[in-house]
């Protein structure tokens, strides 16, 4: 029986890189409060794994 494993090291590295990029974007002093909140929500979703699930579910519709 094949056992499902968690994310690979490459997947985790990619996620951390995306989090770092979003954090850098959120620190832009030209962003409005609403834009900063949006970036922080994206960060939270990405860190919790919800962003991946949304991407996978929307990818099937195309």
C-alpha atoms as a PDB file:
ATOM      1  CA  UNK A   1       0.000   0.000   0.000  1.00  0.00           C
ATOM      2  CA  UNK A   2       1.235   3.430  -0.900  1.00  0.00           C
ATOM      3  CA  UNK A   3       1.357   5.769   2.026  1.00  0.00           C
ATOM      4  CA  UNK A   4       0.651   9.426   1.359  1.00  0.00           C
ATOM      5  CA  UNK A   5       3.435  11.635   2.628  1.00  0.00           C
ATOM      6  CA  UNK A   6       3.535  15.295   3.486  1.00  0.00           C
ATOM      7  CA  UNK A   7       5.121  18.039   1.439  1.00  0.00           C
ATOM      8  CA  UNK A   8       8.626  17.500   0.126  1.00  0.00           C
ATOM      9  CA  UNK A   9      11.591  19.565   1.199  1.00  0.00           C
ATOM     10  CA  UNK A  10      11.402  21.385  -2.153  1.00  0.00           C
ATOM     11  CA  UNK A  11       7.713  22.182  -1.554  1.00  0.00           C
ATOM     12  CA  UNK A  12       8.484  23.577   1.893  1.00  0.00           C
ATOM     13  CA  UNK A  13      11.389  25.624   0.556  1.00  0.00           C
ATOM     14  CA  UNK A  14       9.141  27.053  -2.158  1.00  0.00           C
ATOM     15  CA  UNK A  15       6.475  27.931   0.416  1.00  0.00           C
ATOM     16  CA  UNK A  16       9.041  29.675   2.616  1.00  0.00           C
ATOM     17  CA  UNK A  17      10.319  31.638  -0.381  1.00  0.00           C
ATOM     18  CA  UNK A  18       6.756  32.727  -1.201  1.00  0.00           C
ATOM     19  CA  UNK A  19       6.188  33.779   2.425  1.00  0.00           C
ATOM     20  CA  UNK A  20       9.421  35.802   2.397  1.00  0.00           C
ATOM     21  CA  UNK A  21       8.405  37.497  -0.873  1.00  0.00           C
ATOM     22  CA  UNK A  22       4.941  38.369   0.452  1.00  0.00           C
ATOM     23  CA  UNK A  23       6.408  39.703   3.692  1.00  0.00           C
ATOM     24  CA  UNK A  24       8.761  41.925   1.707  1.00  0.00           C
ATOM     25  CA  UNK A  25       5.843  43.186  -0.414  1.00  0.00           C
ATOM     26  CA  UNK A  26       3.772  43.897   2.721  1.00  0.00           C
ATOM     27  CA  UNK A  27       6.532  46.148   4.059  1.00  0.00           C
ATOM     28  CA  UNK A  28       6.247  48.530   1.091  1.00  0.00           C
ATOM     29  CA  UNK A  29       5.637  51.978   2.649  1.00  0.00           C
ATOM     30  CA  UNK A  30       3.544  53.027  -0.361  1.00  0.00           C
ATOM     31  CA  UNK A  31       0.844  50.412   0.318  1.00  0.00           C
ATOM     32  CA  UNK A  32      -2.454  51.485   1.794  1.00  0.00           C
ATOM     33  CA  UNK A  33      -3.699  49.965   5.037  1.00  0.00           C
ATOM     34  CA  UNK A  34      -6.130  47.784   3.073  1.00  0.00           C
ATOM     35  CA  UNK A  35      -3.360  46.525   0.800  1.00  0.00           C
ATOM     36  CA  UNK A  36      -1.174  45.651   3.799  1.00  0.00           C
ATOM     37  CA  UNK A  37      -4.080  43.763   5.396  1.00  0.00           C
ATOM     38  CA  UNK A  38      -4.582  41.878   2.128  1.00  0.00           C
ATOM     39  CA  UNK A  39      -0.909  40.897   2.037  1.00  0.00           C
ATOM     40  CA  UNK A  40      -1.030  39.723   5.656  1.00  0.00           C
ATOM     41  CA  UNK A  41      -4.113  37.610   4.875  1.00  0.00           C
ATOM     42  CA  UNK A  42      -2.260  36.091   1.904  1.00  0.00           C
ATOM     43  CA  UNK A  43       0.667  35.333   4.214  1.00  0.00           C
ATOM     44  CA  UNK A  44      -1.616  33.665   6.750  1.00  0.00           C
ATOM     45  CA  UNK A  45      -3.320  31.579   4.068  1.00  0.00           C
ATOM     46  CA  UNK A  46      -0.019  30.525   2.551  1.00  0.00           C
ATOM     47  CA  UNK A  47       1.495  29.648   5.932  1.00  0.00           C
ATOM     48  CA  UNK A  48      -1.560  27.573   6.912  1.00  0.00           C
ATOM     49  CA  UNK A  49      -1.643  25.745   3.591  1.00  0.00           C
ATOM     50  CA  UNK A  50      -4.996  27.193   2.546  1.00  0.00           C
ATOM     51  CA  UNK A  51      -3.508  29.074  -0.399  1.00  0.00           C
ATOM     52  CA  UNK A  52      -2.321  25.809  -1.980  1.00  0.00           C
ATOM     53  CA  UNK A  53      -5.762  24.230  -1.666  1.00  0.00           C
ATOM     54  CA  UNK A  54      -7.403  27.226  -3.319  1.00  0.00           C
ATOM     55  CA  UNK A  55      -4.867  27.175  -6.168  1.00  0.00           C
ATOM     56  CA  UNK A  56      -5.472  23.471  -6.763  1.00  0.00           C
ATOM     57  CA  UNK A  57      -9.242  23.830  -6.780  1.00  0.00           C
ATOM     58  CA  UNK A  58      -9.200  26.777  -9.198  1.00  0.00           C
ATOM     59  CA  UNK A  59      -6.661  25.104 -11.468  1.00  0.00           C
ATOM     60  CA  UNK A  60      -9.173  22.427 -12.486  1.00  0.00           C
ATOM     61  CA  UNK A  61     -11.685  24.947 -13.826  1.00  0.00           C
ATOM     62  CA  UNK A  62      -9.381  26.291 -16.542  1.00  0.00           C
END
